C-alpha atoms as a PDB file:
ATOM      1  CA  MET A   1      79.068 205.223 115.353  1.00  0.00           C
ATOM      2  CA  LYS A   2      82.623 204.428 116.453  1.00  0.00           C
ATOM      3  CA  GLY A   3      83.853 203.033 119.758  1.00  0.00           C
ATOM      4  CA  THR A   4      83.501 199.853 121.758  1.00  0.00           C
ATOM      5  CA  ALA A   5      79.988 198.569 122.381  1.00  0.00           C
ATOM      6  CA  PHE A   6      78.510 195.707 124.365  1.00  0.00           C
ATOM      7  CA  VAL A   7      75.460 193.486 124.097  1.00  0.00           C
ATOM      8  CA  TYR A   8      74.740 192.727 127.741  1.00  0.00           C
ATOM      9  CA  ILE A   9      72.562 190.216 129.520  1.00  0.00           C
ATOM     10  CA  PHE A  10      71.389 190.782 133.090  1.00  0.00           C
ATOM     11  CA  ALA A  11      69.410 188.304 135.205  1.00  0.00           C
ATOM     12  CA  ASN A  12      67.632 188.424 138.539  1.00  0.00           C
ATOM     13  CA  GLN A  13      68.519 184.831 139.514  1.00  0.00           C
ATOM     14  CA  PRO A  14      69.643 181.578 137.878  1.00  0.00           C
ATOM     15  CA  ASN A  15      66.979 180.471 135.371  1.00  0.00           C
ATOM     16  CA  GLY A  16      65.067 183.697 136.094  1.00  0.00           C
ATOM     17  CA  THR A  17      64.160 186.879 134.259  1.00  0.00           C
ATOM     18  CA  LEU A  18      66.610 188.170 131.644  1.00  0.00           C
ATOM     19  CA  CYS A  19      67.235 191.636 130.233  1.00  0.00           C
ATOM     20  CA  VAL A  20      69.166 191.910 126.950  1.00  0.00           C
ATOM     21  CA  SER A  21      70.259 195.247 125.502  1.00  0.00           C
ATOM     22  CA  VAL A  22      73.144 197.271 124.053  1.00  0.00           C
ATOM     23  CA  THR A  23      75.382 199.955 125.597  1.00  0.00           C
ATOM     24  CA  THR A  24      78.627 201.801 124.948  1.00  0.00           C
ATOM     25  CA  ASN A  25      79.327 202.250 128.673  1.00  0.00           C
ATOM     26  CA  LEU A  26      79.038 198.898 130.432  1.00  0.00           C
ATOM     27  CA  THR A  27      80.430 200.158 133.743  1.00  0.00           C
ATOM     28  CA  ARG A  28      77.722 202.812 134.008  1.00  0.00           C
ATOM     29  CA  ARG A  29      75.002 200.354 132.958  1.00  0.00           C
ATOM     30  CA  VAL A  30      76.042 197.794 135.596  1.00  0.00           C
ATOM     31  CA  TRP A  31      75.967 200.538 138.260  1.00  0.00           C
ATOM     32  CA  GLN A  32      72.504 201.678 137.119  1.00  0.00           C
ATOM     33  CA  HIS A  33      71.095 198.163 137.422  1.00  0.00           C
ATOM     34  CA  LYS A  34      72.722 197.392 140.775  1.00  0.00           C
ATOM     35  CA  GLU A  35      71.583 200.707 142.295  1.00  0.00           C
ATOM     36  CA  GLY A  36      68.031 200.375 140.951  1.00  0.00           C
ATOM     37  CA  ARG A  37      68.387 203.454 138.724  1.00  0.00           C
ATOM     38  CA  THR A  38      66.647 201.762 135.793  1.00  0.00           C
ATOM     39  CA  GLU A  39      62.916 202.379 135.993  1.00  0.00           C
ATOM     40  CA  GLY A  40      60.371 199.914 134.694  1.00  0.00           C
ATOM     41  CA  PHE A  41      60.670 196.215 133.964  1.00  0.00           C
ATOM     42  CA  THR A  42      64.228 195.624 135.224  1.00  0.00           C
ATOM     43  CA  LYS A  43      63.672 197.475 138.496  1.00  0.00           C
ATOM     44  CA  ARG A  44      60.352 195.712 139.206  1.00  0.00           C
ATOM     45  CA  ARG A  45      61.918 192.295 138.527  1.00  0.00           C
ATOM     46  CA  GLY A  46      65.175 192.954 140.417  1.00  0.00           C
ATOM     47  CA  VAL A  47      67.341 192.308 137.357  1.00  0.00           C
ATOM     48  CA  LYS A  48      70.804 193.201 138.739  1.00  0.00           C
ATOM     49  CA  ARG A  49      73.214 190.375 137.903  1.00  0.00           C
ATOM     50  CA  LEU A  50      75.422 190.777 134.813  1.00  0.00           C
ATOM     51  CA  VAL A  51      75.770 187.326 133.266  1.00  0.00           C
ATOM     52  CA  TYR A  52      77.199 187.894 129.759  1.00  0.00           C
ATOM     53  CA  PHE A  53      78.639 190.737 127.680  1.00  0.00           C
ATOM     54  CA  PRO A  54      80.259 190.175 124.288  1.00  0.00           C
ATOM     55  CA  VAL A  55      82.360 193.124 123.091  1.00  0.00           C
ATOM     56  CA  PHE A  56      81.960 194.672 119.624  1.00  0.00           C
ATOM     57  CA  ALA A  57      84.018 197.165 117.654  1.00  0.00           C
ATOM     58  CA  ASP A  58      81.153 199.640 117.389  1.00  0.00           C
ATOM     59  CA  LEU A  59      77.521 200.246 118.284  1.00  0.00           C
ATOM     60  CA  ARG A  60      76.194 199.278 114.859  1.00  0.00           C
ATOM     61  CA  ALA A  61      77.806 195.808 115.089  1.00  0.00           C
ATOM     62  CA  ALA A  62      76.395 195.309 118.612  1.00  0.00           C
ATOM     63  CA  GLN A  63      72.908 196.367 117.530  1.00  0.00           C
ATOM     64  CA  SER A  64      73.063 194.030 114.550  1.00  0.00           C
ATOM     65  CA  ARG A  65      73.993 191.132 116.848  1.00  0.00           C
ATOM     66  CA  ASN A  66      71.159 192.054 119.230  1.00  0.00           C
ATOM     67  CA  GLY A  67      68.613 192.046 116.391  1.00  0.00           C
ATOM     68  CA  ARG A  68      67.905 195.779 116.400  1.00  0.00           C
END
């Protein structure tokens, strides 16, 4: 699993609901959240604000950091 990966944190408002996950395409993921393309929890809660995204050398390192 080579290539840059990100652990990202989205929020719906300051001190609000958080969504934490991993992706290899942060630009696409931000667009999906902002456009409401993510069904389920994040769409219902309006989680659209990117608040943090550490960068990792590969997906395995990002998943390890995220506890997966």
